[in-house]
Amino acid sequence: MAHTKAEKVKNAKPVRDAQTTQSVILAVAEEEFAQHGFRGTRTEAIAAKTEVSKSMIYYYFKDKEGLYQAVLEQSHADLLETVDKLELEHLSPEIALKKFLKALLDCVSRNPKLPTIMFYEAVQNQGKYYKRSSSVNIDTTLVQILEQGVATGVFRQLDPFQSAINIMGTCLFYFIGVGNIQQFPQGKRLLSKAMLEQHAQEAIALILAGVRQS
C-alpha cells in the first residue's frame, strides 16, 4: 500500500530529533493546507496526526501563520533550487522557456499538492502570504524569459505578464482540477507517471507553439 509523504517522514526514525519532528509537522501540514486551505486547516488536526502537541508546533513555527509560510517556502524549495541551477540567463529565450517549463512540471509532478495550496492561497488570502514567499521569484523568472524573447524577436509581440498567467494555467490546472478531470474515462490515471509525462510534453509543445513567431 502506498504511503503519503507525511507517513514516510513520520516513520523515518523511531526516536525523533528536532529536525525530524519539524519535517513530520511540515509534511502533515502540507496535506492539511492542500485539502482545506489556510482558513479551513486546524492546528489541532495537525497535532493529532503528527502526535506532536500544539504547543510544540508553535514552539517550532510560532503560530499557524508561521507554519503556513514555512509550508509555502518548503513546497517551492525544490523548484527554486532546480531553476537556479539551470542558469537560464545564459540561454536563448526559447531554450530557457523550455527548460523552465520542464523544471516546473517535473517539480509539480513530484509534489502535486502545490498547485492546490496556491489556489487556496489566491482564493482565501488574496495572495497575502504568497507575496511574502520566495515563490514570487518563479513567476518573475517566467515573465523575464518572455520579455527577453519578445525583445530579441524570438517570440511574437505578446504581453509577457498576461502570457505568463496563461502559461501557468496551462501547466497547473491539470493538478488543481484532478478531481473533476478524473471523472472522464481518459482521466482515470491522471497522476500516473505515463500521464504526467504526456501532460508535460503536450503543455510544453502547446506553449512553445503559442509564443513563437509565426
N, C-alpha and C. Protein backbone atom coordinates (compact mmCIF):
# COMPACT_ATOMS: atom_id res chain seq x y z
N MET A 1 0.85 -1.20 0.00
CA MET A 1 0.00 0.00 0.00
C MET A 1 0.88 1.25 0.00
N ALA A 2 0.54 2.21 -0.85
CA ALA A 2 1.34 3.43 -0.95
C ALA A 2 1.17 4.27 0.31
N HIS A 3 2.26 4.89 0.71
CA HIS A 3 2.23 5.76 1.89
C HIS A 3 2.32 7.21 1.46
N THR A 4 1.66 8.08 2.21
CA THR A 4 1.74 9.51 1.92
C THR A 4 3.10 10.02 2.33
N LYS A 5 3.42 11.23 1.85
CA LYS A 5 4.67 11.87 2.21
C LYS A 5 4.78 12.03 3.73
N ALA A 6 3.66 12.38 4.35
CA ALA A 6 3.66 12.57 5.80
C ALA A 6 3.96 11.27 6.54
N GLU A 7 3.37 10.16 6.07
CA GLU A 7 3.60 8.86 6.72
C GLU A 7 5.04 8.42 6.58
N LYS A 8 5.63 8.66 5.41
CA LYS A 8 7.03 8.27 5.19
C LYS A 8 7.96 9.03 6.13
N VAL A 9 7.72 10.33 6.27
CA VAL A 9 8.56 11.14 7.16
C VAL A 9 8.33 10.74 8.61
N LYS A 10 7.08 10.51 8.95
CA LYS A 10 6.72 10.19 10.33
C LYS A 10 7.38 8.89 10.79
N ASN A 11 7.51 7.93 9.89
CA ASN A 11 8.07 6.63 10.23
C ASN A 11 9.57 6.53 9.99
N ALA A 12 10.19 7.65 9.66
CA ALA A 12 11.61 7.64 9.28
C ALA A 12 12.52 7.23 10.43
N LYS A 13 12.21 7.69 11.65
CA LYS A 13 13.06 7.39 12.80
C LYS A 13 12.20 6.99 13.99
N PRO A 14 12.62 5.95 14.74
CA PRO A 14 11.84 5.56 15.91
C PRO A 14 11.86 6.63 17.00
N VAL A 15 12.96 7.33 17.13
CA VAL A 15 13.07 8.42 18.10
C VAL A 15 13.33 9.71 17.33
N ARG A 16 12.44 10.66 17.47
CA ARG A 16 12.54 11.87 16.67
C ARG A 16 13.49 12.88 17.29
N ASP A 17 14.30 13.47 16.44
CA ASP A 17 15.06 14.64 16.87
C ASP A 17 14.29 15.86 16.40
N ALA A 18 14.81 17.04 16.68
CA ALA A 18 14.09 18.27 16.34
C ALA A 18 13.84 18.38 14.84
N GLN A 19 14.85 18.04 14.03
CA GLN A 19 14.71 18.16 12.59
C GLN A 19 13.64 17.22 12.05
N THR A 20 13.64 15.99 12.55
CA THR A 20 12.63 15.02 12.11
C THR A 20 11.24 15.46 12.53
N THR A 21 11.12 15.98 13.74
CA THR A 21 9.82 16.45 14.22
C THR A 21 9.29 17.57 13.34
N GLN A 22 10.14 18.52 12.99
CA GLN A 22 9.71 19.61 12.12
C GLN A 22 9.32 19.10 10.74
N SER A 23 10.04 18.11 10.23
CA SER A 23 9.73 17.54 8.92
C SER A 23 8.37 16.85 8.94
N VAL A 24 8.08 16.14 10.03
CA VAL A 24 6.79 15.48 10.18
C VAL A 24 5.67 16.52 10.21
N ILE A 25 5.87 17.56 10.99
CA ILE A 25 4.86 18.63 11.10
C ILE A 25 4.61 19.27 9.73
N LEU A 26 5.68 19.59 9.02
CA LEU A 26 5.54 20.24 7.71
C LEU A 26 4.84 19.34 6.71
N ALA A 27 5.16 18.05 6.72
CA ALA A 27 4.56 17.12 5.77
C ALA A 27 3.06 16.99 6.00
N VAL A 28 2.66 16.86 7.26
CA VAL A 28 1.24 16.75 7.58
C VAL A 28 0.53 18.08 7.32
N ALA A 29 1.17 19.17 7.68
CA ALA A 29 0.58 20.50 7.45
C ALA A 29 0.36 20.74 5.96
N GLU A 30 1.30 20.31 5.13
CA GLU A 30 1.15 20.47 3.69
C GLU A 30 -0.11 19.75 3.20
N GLU A 31 -0.34 18.55 3.68
CA GLU A 31 -1.53 17.80 3.28
C GLU A 31 -2.81 18.49 3.76
N GLU A 32 -2.78 19.00 4.97
CA GLU A 32 -3.95 19.68 5.52
C GLU A 32 -4.25 20.98 4.78
N PHE A 33 -3.22 21.77 4.49
CA PHE A 33 -3.42 23.03 3.77
C PHE A 33 -3.88 22.77 2.34
N ALA A 34 -3.41 21.69 1.74
CA ALA A 34 -3.83 21.34 0.38
C ALA A 34 -5.30 20.92 0.35
N GLN A 35 -5.75 20.32 1.43
CA GLN A 35 -7.13 19.84 1.50
C GLN A 35 -8.11 20.92 1.95
N HIS A 36 -7.67 21.79 2.85
CA HIS A 36 -8.61 22.75 3.46
C HIS A 36 -8.24 24.22 3.26
N GLY A 37 -7.03 24.49 2.75
CA GLY A 37 -6.59 25.87 2.68
C GLY A 37 -6.17 26.38 4.04
N PHE A 38 -5.67 27.60 4.09
CA PHE A 38 -5.20 28.17 5.37
C PHE A 38 -6.35 28.33 6.36
N ARG A 39 -7.46 28.86 5.88
CA ARG A 39 -8.58 29.15 6.79
C ARG A 39 -9.21 27.88 7.36
N GLY A 40 -9.31 26.86 6.54
CA GLY A 40 -10.00 25.64 6.97
C GLY A 40 -9.15 24.67 7.75
N THR A 41 -7.85 24.88 7.77
CA THR A 41 -6.95 23.97 8.47
C THR A 41 -6.90 24.30 9.96
N ARG A 42 -6.98 23.26 10.78
CA ARG A 42 -6.93 23.42 12.23
C ARG A 42 -5.60 22.88 12.75
N THR A 43 -4.93 23.66 13.56
CA THR A 43 -3.66 23.22 14.14
C THR A 43 -3.86 21.97 15.00
N GLU A 44 -5.03 21.85 15.62
CA GLU A 44 -5.33 20.68 16.44
C GLU A 44 -5.30 19.40 15.61
N ALA A 45 -5.78 19.49 14.36
CA ALA A 45 -5.78 18.32 13.48
C ALA A 45 -4.36 17.92 13.12
N ILE A 46 -3.51 18.91 12.88
CA ILE A 46 -2.10 18.63 12.57
C ILE A 46 -1.42 18.00 13.77
N ALA A 47 -1.71 18.52 14.95
CA ALA A 47 -1.12 17.97 16.18
C ALA A 47 -1.54 16.52 16.38
N ALA A 48 -2.81 16.22 16.13
CA ALA A 48 -3.31 14.86 16.32
C ALA A 48 -2.65 13.88 15.34
N LYS A 49 -2.51 14.30 14.10
CA LYS A 49 -1.95 13.41 13.08
C LYS A 49 -0.44 13.23 13.21
N THR A 50 0.22 14.21 13.80
CA THR A 50 1.68 14.11 13.96
C THR A 50 2.07 13.55 15.33
N GLU A 51 1.07 13.46 16.22
CA GLU A 51 1.34 13.04 17.60
C GLU A 51 2.32 13.99 18.27
N VAL A 52 2.20 15.26 17.89
CA VAL A 52 3.01 16.33 18.48
C VAL A 52 2.04 17.33 19.11
N SER A 53 2.35 17.84 20.26
CA SER A 53 1.45 18.77 20.93
C SER A 53 1.35 20.08 20.14
N LYS A 54 0.22 20.75 20.31
CA LYS A 54 0.02 22.04 19.66
C LYS A 54 1.07 23.04 20.12
N SER A 55 1.43 23.00 21.39
CA SER A 55 2.45 23.92 21.91
C SER A 55 3.81 23.66 21.27
N MET A 56 4.10 22.39 20.95
CA MET A 56 5.36 22.07 20.29
C MET A 56 5.38 22.60 18.86
N ILE A 57 4.24 22.51 18.18
CA ILE A 57 4.14 23.08 16.83
C ILE A 57 4.42 24.58 16.87
N TYR A 58 3.84 25.25 17.85
CA TYR A 58 4.05 26.69 17.97
C TYR A 58 5.47 27.02 18.43
N TYR A 59 6.09 26.10 19.14
CA TYR A 59 7.49 26.30 19.54
C TYR A 59 8.38 26.39 18.30
N TYR A 60 8.11 25.51 17.33
CA TYR A 60 8.93 25.48 16.12
C TYR A 60 8.52 26.55 15.10
N PHE A 61 7.22 26.84 15.01
CA PHE A 61 6.74 27.71 13.92
C PHE A 61 6.00 28.96 14.41
N LYS A 62 5.99 29.21 15.70
CA LYS A 62 5.40 30.40 16.33
C LYS A 62 3.88 30.36 16.37
N ASP A 63 3.24 30.22 15.20
CA ASP A 63 1.79 30.18 15.14
C ASP A 63 1.36 29.53 13.82
N LYS A 64 0.06 29.51 13.57
CA LYS A 64 -0.46 28.89 12.35
C LYS A 64 0.06 29.60 11.11
N GLU A 65 0.15 30.91 11.16
CA GLU A 65 0.68 31.67 10.02
C GLU A 65 2.13 31.29 9.73
N GLY A 66 2.92 31.17 10.80
CA GLY A 66 4.32 30.79 10.62
C GLY A 66 4.46 29.41 10.01
N LEU A 67 3.60 28.49 10.43
CA LEU A 67 3.62 27.13 9.87
C LEU A 67 3.23 27.16 8.40
N TYR A 68 2.20 27.92 8.08
CA TYR A 68 1.74 28.03 6.70
C TYR A 68 2.82 28.63 5.81
N GLN A 69 3.46 29.68 6.28
CA GLN A 69 4.53 30.31 5.50
C GLN A 69 5.68 29.34 5.28
N ALA A 70 5.99 28.54 6.29
CA ALA A 70 7.05 27.54 6.17
C ALA A 70 6.69 26.48 5.14
N VAL A 71 5.42 26.10 5.10
CA VAL A 71 4.96 25.12 4.10
C VAL A 71 5.10 25.69 2.70
N LEU A 72 4.73 26.95 2.51
CA LEU A 72 4.87 27.60 1.20
C LEU A 72 6.33 27.60 0.76
N GLU A 73 7.22 27.95 1.67
CA GLU A 73 8.65 28.00 1.33
C GLU A 73 9.18 26.62 0.99
N GLN A 74 8.83 25.63 1.81
CA GLN A 74 9.33 24.28 1.56
C GLN A 74 8.77 23.71 0.26
N SER A 75 7.51 24.00 -0.02
CA SER A 75 6.86 23.47 -1.22
C SER A 75 7.53 23.97 -2.49
N HIS A 76 8.08 25.18 -2.44
CA HIS A 76 8.71 25.78 -3.62
C HIS A 76 10.23 25.57 -3.65
N ALA A 77 10.78 25.05 -2.57
CA ALA A 77 12.25 24.94 -2.47
C ALA A 77 12.85 24.11 -3.59
N ASP A 78 12.22 22.99 -3.91
CA ASP A 78 12.71 22.10 -4.96
C ASP A 78 12.75 22.82 -6.30
N LEU A 79 11.66 23.51 -6.63
CA LEU A 79 11.58 24.22 -7.90
C LEU A 79 12.58 25.37 -7.96
N LEU A 80 12.68 26.15 -6.89
CA LEU A 80 13.61 27.28 -6.87
C LEU A 80 15.05 26.82 -7.05
N GLU A 81 15.40 25.74 -6.38
CA GLU A 81 16.76 25.21 -6.49
C GLU A 81 17.04 24.69 -7.89
N THR A 82 16.06 24.00 -8.47
CA THR A 82 16.22 23.45 -9.81
C THR A 82 16.38 24.55 -10.85
N VAL A 83 15.52 25.56 -10.78
CA VAL A 83 15.57 26.67 -11.74
C VAL A 83 16.87 27.44 -11.60
N ASP A 84 17.33 27.64 -10.37
CA ASP A 84 18.58 28.36 -10.14
C ASP A 84 19.76 27.66 -10.79
N LYS A 85 19.77 26.34 -10.73
CA LYS A 85 20.87 25.56 -11.30
C LYS A 85 20.89 25.60 -12.83
N LEU A 86 19.76 25.91 -13.45
CA LEU A 86 19.68 25.92 -14.91
C LEU A 86 20.42 27.10 -15.53
N GLU A 87 20.64 28.17 -14.75
CA GLU A 87 21.31 29.38 -15.24
C GLU A 87 20.65 29.85 -16.55
N LEU A 88 19.37 30.09 -16.47
CA LEU A 88 18.57 30.41 -17.65
C LEU A 88 19.00 31.70 -18.34
N GLU A 89 19.61 32.60 -17.58
CA GLU A 89 20.02 33.88 -18.16
C GLU A 89 21.08 33.72 -19.25
N HIS A 90 21.74 32.57 -19.30
CA HIS A 90 22.79 32.33 -20.30
C HIS A 90 22.26 31.58 -21.53
N LEU A 91 20.96 31.30 -21.56
CA LEU A 91 20.38 30.52 -22.65
C LEU A 91 19.53 31.40 -23.55
N SER A 92 19.29 30.93 -24.77
CA SER A 92 18.38 31.65 -25.66
C SER A 92 16.98 31.58 -25.06
N PRO A 93 16.10 32.56 -25.36
CA PRO A 93 14.77 32.59 -24.74
C PRO A 93 13.96 31.31 -24.94
N GLU A 94 14.01 30.74 -26.14
CA GLU A 94 13.19 29.54 -26.38
C GLU A 94 13.70 28.35 -25.57
N ILE A 95 15.00 28.16 -25.53
CA ILE A 95 15.57 27.05 -24.75
C ILE A 95 15.34 27.30 -23.26
N ALA A 96 15.50 28.55 -22.84
CA ALA A 96 15.26 28.89 -21.43
C ALA A 96 13.82 28.60 -21.04
N LEU A 97 12.87 28.96 -21.91
CA LEU A 97 11.46 28.71 -21.62
C LEU A 97 11.18 27.21 -21.55
N LYS A 98 11.73 26.47 -22.48
CA LYS A 98 11.51 25.02 -22.49
C LYS A 98 12.07 24.37 -21.23
N LYS A 99 13.26 24.75 -20.83
CA LYS A 99 13.87 24.18 -19.62
C LYS A 99 13.11 24.61 -18.36
N PHE A 100 12.67 25.85 -18.34
CA PHE A 100 11.88 26.34 -17.20
C PHE A 100 10.60 25.53 -17.06
N LEU A 101 9.89 25.33 -18.16
CA LEU A 101 8.63 24.60 -18.13
C LEU A 101 8.84 23.15 -17.71
N LYS A 102 9.91 22.54 -18.22
CA LYS A 102 10.20 21.15 -17.85
C LYS A 102 10.49 21.05 -16.35
N ALA A 103 11.27 21.99 -15.83
CA ALA A 103 11.58 22.00 -14.40
C ALA A 103 10.31 22.20 -13.57
N LEU A 104 9.47 23.14 -14.00
CA LEU A 104 8.21 23.41 -13.30
C LEU A 104 7.34 22.17 -13.24
N LEU A 105 7.14 21.53 -14.38
CA LEU A 105 6.25 20.38 -14.45
C LEU A 105 6.82 19.16 -13.73
N ASP A 106 8.11 18.98 -13.80
CA ASP A 106 8.75 17.88 -13.07
C ASP A 106 8.59 18.06 -11.57
N CYS A 107 8.83 19.27 -11.10
CA CYS A 107 8.75 19.54 -9.66
C CYS A 107 7.32 19.41 -9.15
N VAL A 108 6.37 19.91 -9.92
CA VAL A 108 4.97 19.81 -9.50
C VAL A 108 4.49 18.36 -9.56
N SER A 109 5.01 17.59 -10.50
CA SER A 109 4.66 16.16 -10.56
C SER A 109 5.13 15.44 -9.31
N ARG A 110 6.27 15.88 -8.77
CA ARG A 110 6.77 15.29 -7.53
C ARG A 110 5.98 15.77 -6.31
N ASN A 111 5.36 16.93 -6.44
CA ASN A 111 4.59 17.50 -5.33
C ASN A 111 3.27 18.07 -5.87
N PRO A 112 2.35 17.18 -6.27
CA PRO A 112 1.12 17.64 -6.92
C PRO A 112 0.17 18.43 -6.03
N LYS A 113 0.45 18.50 -4.73
CA LYS A 113 -0.39 19.30 -3.84
C LYS A 113 -0.10 20.80 -3.95
N LEU A 114 1.07 21.14 -4.46
CA LEU A 114 1.49 22.55 -4.51
C LEU A 114 0.50 23.45 -5.25
N PRO A 115 0.04 23.10 -6.46
CA PRO A 115 -0.90 23.99 -7.15
C PRO A 115 -2.19 24.22 -6.37
N THR A 116 -2.67 23.19 -5.67
CA THR A 116 -3.90 23.34 -4.90
C THR A 116 -3.69 24.27 -3.71
N ILE A 117 -2.54 24.16 -3.06
CA ILE A 117 -2.22 25.07 -1.96
C ILE A 117 -2.21 26.52 -2.47
N MET A 118 -1.61 26.73 -3.63
CA MET A 118 -1.53 28.08 -4.19
C MET A 118 -2.90 28.58 -4.65
N PHE A 119 -3.75 27.65 -5.10
CA PHE A 119 -5.12 28.03 -5.48
C PHE A 119 -5.87 28.53 -4.25
N TYR A 120 -5.79 27.79 -3.16
CA TYR A 120 -6.43 28.23 -1.91
C TYR A 120 -5.84 29.55 -1.44
N GLU A 121 -4.53 29.72 -1.61
CA GLU A 121 -3.88 30.96 -1.20
C GLU A 121 -4.49 32.15 -1.93
N ALA A 122 -4.75 31.98 -3.22
CA ALA A 122 -5.34 33.07 -4.01
C ALA A 122 -6.79 33.33 -3.62
N VAL A 123 -7.56 32.27 -3.43
CA VAL A 123 -8.99 32.40 -3.16
C VAL A 123 -9.26 32.87 -1.73
N GLN A 124 -8.55 32.28 -0.77
CA GLN A 124 -8.82 32.59 0.64
C GLN A 124 -8.07 33.81 1.15
N ASN A 125 -6.85 33.98 0.68
CA ASN A 125 -5.98 35.01 1.27
C ASN A 125 -5.60 36.14 0.32
N GLN A 126 -6.08 36.06 -0.93
CA GLN A 126 -5.76 37.07 -1.94
C GLN A 126 -4.26 37.30 -2.08
N GLY A 127 -3.49 36.23 -1.92
CA GLY A 127 -2.04 36.31 -2.14
C GLY A 127 -1.25 36.94 -1.01
N LYS A 128 -1.87 37.10 0.15
CA LYS A 128 -1.21 37.75 1.30
C LYS A 128 0.11 37.07 1.66
N TYR A 129 0.10 35.75 1.69
CA TYR A 129 1.30 35.01 2.09
C TYR A 129 2.19 34.69 0.89
N TYR A 130 1.56 34.60 -0.26
CA TYR A 130 2.32 34.36 -1.50
C TYR A 130 3.34 35.47 -1.73
N LYS A 131 2.91 36.73 -1.55
CA LYS A 131 3.80 37.85 -1.84
C LYS A 131 4.97 37.92 -0.87
N ARG A 132 4.85 37.27 0.29
CA ARG A 132 5.95 37.23 1.26
C ARG A 132 6.92 36.09 0.98
N SER A 133 6.52 35.17 0.12
CA SER A 133 7.31 33.96 -0.09
C SER A 133 8.25 34.10 -1.28
N SER A 134 9.23 33.22 -1.33
CA SER A 134 10.19 33.22 -2.44
C SER A 134 9.58 32.68 -3.72
N SER A 135 8.36 32.14 -3.65
CA SER A 135 7.70 31.61 -4.85
C SER A 135 7.42 32.70 -5.87
N VAL A 136 7.38 33.96 -5.42
CA VAL A 136 7.20 35.08 -6.35
C VAL A 136 8.30 35.07 -7.41
N ASN A 137 9.50 34.61 -7.02
CA ASN A 137 10.63 34.58 -7.95
C ASN A 137 10.38 33.68 -9.15
N ILE A 138 9.57 32.63 -8.96
CA ILE A 138 9.26 31.71 -10.05
C ILE A 138 8.49 32.44 -11.14
N ASP A 139 7.45 33.14 -10.76
CA ASP A 139 6.63 33.87 -11.73
C ASP A 139 7.42 35.00 -12.38
N THR A 140 8.26 35.66 -11.60
CA THR A 140 9.09 36.74 -12.13
C THR A 140 10.06 36.21 -13.18
N THR A 141 10.62 35.04 -12.93
CA THR A 141 11.55 34.43 -13.89
C THR A 141 10.86 34.15 -15.21
N LEU A 142 9.65 33.63 -15.16
CA LEU A 142 8.91 33.34 -16.39
C LEU A 142 8.64 34.62 -17.18
N VAL A 143 8.21 35.67 -16.50
CA VAL A 143 7.96 36.95 -17.17
C VAL A 143 9.23 37.47 -17.83
N GLN A 144 10.36 37.36 -17.16
CA GLN A 144 11.63 37.84 -17.70
C GLN A 144 12.05 37.06 -18.95
N ILE A 145 11.81 35.76 -18.96
CA ILE A 145 12.13 34.96 -20.15
C ILE A 145 11.29 35.43 -21.33
N LEU A 146 10.02 35.67 -21.09
CA LEU A 146 9.12 36.12 -22.16
C LEU A 146 9.50 37.51 -22.65
N GLU A 147 9.87 38.38 -21.72
CA GLU A 147 10.30 39.74 -22.10
C GLU A 147 11.53 39.68 -23.00
N GLN A 148 12.47 38.82 -22.64
CA GLN A 148 13.69 38.69 -23.45
C GLN A 148 13.36 38.13 -24.83
N GLY A 149 12.45 37.17 -24.87
CA GLY A 149 12.07 36.58 -26.15
C GLY A 149 11.42 37.58 -27.09
N VAL A 150 10.58 38.44 -26.53
CA VAL A 150 9.94 39.48 -27.34
C VAL A 150 10.97 40.51 -27.80
N ALA A 151 11.84 40.92 -26.89
CA ALA A 151 12.84 41.95 -27.19
C ALA A 151 13.81 41.51 -28.28
N THR A 152 14.13 40.21 -28.32
CA THR A 152 15.09 39.70 -29.31
C THR A 152 14.41 39.21 -30.58
N GLY A 153 13.08 39.28 -30.62
CA GLY A 153 12.36 38.87 -31.81
C GLY A 153 12.15 37.37 -31.95
N VAL A 154 12.52 36.62 -30.93
CA VAL A 154 12.32 35.17 -30.96
C VAL A 154 10.85 34.83 -30.74
N PHE A 155 10.20 35.57 -29.84
CA PHE A 155 8.78 35.37 -29.58
C PHE A 155 7.97 36.47 -30.27
N ARG A 156 6.72 36.17 -30.54
CA ARG A 156 5.84 37.15 -31.17
C ARG A 156 5.58 38.31 -30.20
N GLN A 157 4.93 39.35 -30.70
CA GLN A 157 4.63 40.51 -29.86
C GLN A 157 3.48 40.16 -28.91
N LEU A 158 3.85 39.65 -27.76
CA LEU A 158 2.87 39.26 -26.75
C LEU A 158 3.08 40.08 -25.48
N ASP A 159 2.11 40.05 -24.61
CA ASP A 159 2.24 40.70 -23.30
C ASP A 159 2.86 39.68 -22.34
N PRO A 160 4.09 39.89 -21.91
CA PRO A 160 4.77 38.90 -21.06
C PRO A 160 4.00 38.55 -19.78
N PHE A 161 3.40 39.55 -19.16
CA PHE A 161 2.69 39.30 -17.90
C PHE A 161 1.44 38.46 -18.13
N GLN A 162 0.63 38.87 -19.10
CA GLN A 162 -0.59 38.11 -19.41
C GLN A 162 -0.26 36.70 -19.90
N SER A 163 0.78 36.60 -20.71
CA SER A 163 1.17 35.30 -21.23
C SER A 163 1.67 34.38 -20.12
N ALA A 164 2.39 34.94 -19.15
CA ALA A 164 2.87 34.14 -18.02
C ALA A 164 1.70 33.57 -17.22
N ILE A 165 0.65 34.36 -17.05
CA ILE A 165 -0.55 33.89 -16.35
C ILE A 165 -1.16 32.70 -17.09
N ASN A 166 -1.29 32.84 -18.42
CA ASN A 166 -1.88 31.77 -19.22
C ASN A 166 -1.01 30.52 -19.25
N ILE A 167 0.29 30.72 -19.27
CA ILE A 167 1.22 29.58 -19.27
C ILE A 167 1.11 28.80 -17.95
N MET A 168 1.08 29.52 -16.84
CA MET A 168 0.95 28.85 -15.55
C MET A 168 -0.37 28.09 -15.46
N GLY A 169 -1.42 28.67 -16.01
CA GLY A 169 -2.71 27.99 -16.02
C GLY A 169 -2.67 26.70 -16.82
N THR A 170 -2.02 26.75 -17.98
CA THR A 170 -1.88 25.57 -18.82
C THR A 170 -1.14 24.45 -18.09
N CYS A 171 -0.11 24.81 -17.37
CA CYS A 171 0.70 23.80 -16.67
C CYS A 171 0.03 23.27 -15.41
N LEU A 172 -0.63 24.14 -14.65
CA LEU A 172 -1.03 23.79 -13.29
C LEU A 172 -2.49 23.40 -13.11
N PHE A 173 -3.38 23.80 -14.03
CA PHE A 173 -4.78 23.43 -13.86
C PHE A 173 -4.96 21.91 -13.86
N TYR A 174 -4.11 21.23 -14.58
CA TYR A 174 -4.12 19.77 -14.63
C TYR A 174 -4.14 19.18 -13.22
N PHE A 175 -3.38 19.78 -12.31
CA PHE A 175 -3.26 19.27 -10.94
C PHE A 175 -4.39 19.79 -10.05
N ILE A 176 -4.78 21.04 -10.26
CA ILE A 176 -5.86 21.63 -9.46
C ILE A 176 -7.19 20.96 -9.77
N GLY A 177 -7.41 20.65 -11.04
CA GLY A 177 -8.69 20.08 -11.47
C GLY A 177 -8.74 18.58 -11.51
N VAL A 178 -7.76 17.91 -10.89
CA VAL A 178 -7.66 16.46 -11.00
C VAL A 178 -8.94 15.74 -10.56
N GLY A 179 -9.61 16.23 -9.52
CA GLY A 179 -10.83 15.59 -9.05
C GLY A 179 -11.92 15.57 -10.11
N ASN A 180 -12.06 16.66 -10.85
CA ASN A 180 -13.06 16.74 -11.92
C ASN A 180 -12.61 15.97 -13.16
N ILE A 181 -11.36 16.15 -13.53
CA ILE A 181 -10.86 15.53 -14.76
C ILE A 181 -10.89 14.01 -14.67
N GLN A 182 -10.72 13.46 -13.48
CA GLN A 182 -10.73 12.01 -13.30
C GLN A 182 -12.10 11.39 -13.55
N GLN A 183 -13.13 12.22 -13.67
CA GLN A 183 -14.46 11.69 -13.96
C GLN A 183 -14.58 11.27 -15.42
N PHE A 184 -13.68 11.74 -16.27
CA PHE A 184 -13.66 11.30 -17.66
C PHE A 184 -12.91 9.97 -17.76
N PRO A 185 -13.34 9.10 -18.67
CA PRO A 185 -12.66 7.80 -18.83
C PRO A 185 -11.16 7.94 -19.08
N GLN A 186 -10.77 8.97 -19.84
CA GLN A 186 -9.35 9.17 -20.17
C GLN A 186 -8.54 9.67 -18.97
N GLY A 187 -9.22 10.14 -17.93
CA GLY A 187 -8.51 10.77 -16.82
C GLY A 187 -8.39 9.92 -15.57
N LYS A 188 -8.65 8.64 -15.68
CA LYS A 188 -8.65 7.77 -14.50
C LYS A 188 -7.27 7.66 -13.84
N ARG A 189 -6.22 7.72 -14.65
CA ARG A 189 -4.87 7.55 -14.11
C ARG A 189 -4.07 8.85 -14.32
N LEU A 190 -4.69 9.94 -13.99
CA LEU A 190 -4.15 11.27 -14.29
C LEU A 190 -2.78 11.52 -13.67
N LEU A 191 -2.53 10.96 -12.50
CA LEU A 191 -1.26 11.20 -11.80
C LEU A 191 -0.28 10.05 -11.95
N SER A 192 -0.54 9.16 -12.90
CA SER A 192 0.42 8.10 -13.19
C SER A 192 1.63 8.70 -13.90
N LYS A 193 2.75 8.02 -13.85
CA LYS A 193 3.98 8.52 -14.46
C LYS A 193 3.79 8.78 -15.95
N ALA A 194 3.12 7.86 -16.63
CA ALA A 194 2.92 8.00 -18.08
C ALA A 194 2.07 9.22 -18.41
N MET A 195 0.98 9.42 -17.65
CA MET A 195 0.09 10.55 -17.91
C MET A 195 0.76 11.88 -17.57
N LEU A 196 1.55 11.90 -16.51
CA LEU A 196 2.26 13.12 -16.14
C LEU A 196 3.28 13.50 -17.21
N GLU A 197 3.97 12.51 -17.74
CA GLU A 197 4.94 12.78 -18.82
C GLU A 197 4.23 13.28 -20.07
N GLN A 198 3.07 12.70 -20.37
CA GLN A 198 2.32 13.15 -21.53
C GLN A 198 1.83 14.58 -21.34
N HIS A 199 1.37 14.89 -20.14
CA HIS A 199 0.92 16.26 -19.85
C HIS A 199 2.06 17.24 -20.06
N ALA A 200 3.25 16.91 -19.57
CA ALA A 200 4.41 17.79 -19.71
C ALA A 200 4.73 18.02 -21.18
N GLN A 201 4.74 16.96 -21.97
CA GLN A 201 5.05 17.07 -23.39
C GLN A 201 4.02 17.93 -24.12
N GLU A 202 2.74 17.67 -23.85
CA GLU A 202 1.66 18.41 -24.52
C GLU A 202 1.68 19.88 -24.12
N ALA A 203 1.85 20.15 -22.84
CA ALA A 203 1.84 21.54 -22.36
C ALA A 203 3.00 22.34 -22.94
N ILE A 204 4.19 21.75 -22.92
CA ILE A 204 5.37 22.46 -23.44
C ILE A 204 5.24 22.72 -24.93
N ALA A 205 4.77 21.73 -25.69
CA ALA A 205 4.59 21.89 -27.13
C ALA A 205 3.56 22.98 -27.43
N LEU A 206 2.46 22.98 -26.70
CA LEU A 206 1.40 23.97 -26.90
C LEU A 206 1.90 25.38 -26.59
N ILE A 207 2.62 25.53 -25.50
CA ILE A 207 3.12 26.85 -25.09
C ILE A 207 4.16 27.38 -26.07
N LEU A 208 5.11 26.55 -26.46
CA LEU A 208 6.14 26.99 -27.40
C LEU A 208 5.53 27.39 -28.74
N ALA A 209 4.54 26.62 -29.20
CA ALA A 209 3.87 26.96 -30.46
C ALA A 209 3.13 28.29 -30.34
N GLY A 210 2.65 28.59 -29.15
CA GLY A 210 1.88 29.81 -28.94
C GLY A 210 2.72 31.07 -28.84
N VAL A 211 3.98 30.96 -28.43
CA VAL A 211 4.80 32.16 -28.23
C VAL A 211 5.75 32.43 -29.40
N ARG A 212 6.00 31.42 -30.22
CA ARG A 212 6.94 31.60 -31.33
C ARG A 212 6.41 32.58 -32.37
N GLN A 213 7.36 33.19 -33.07
CA GLN A 213 7.00 34.00 -34.24
C GLN A 213 6.39 33.08 -35.28
N SER A 214 5.31 33.50 -35.92
CA SER A 214 4.67 32.66 -36.95
C SER A 214 5.45 32.74 -38.25
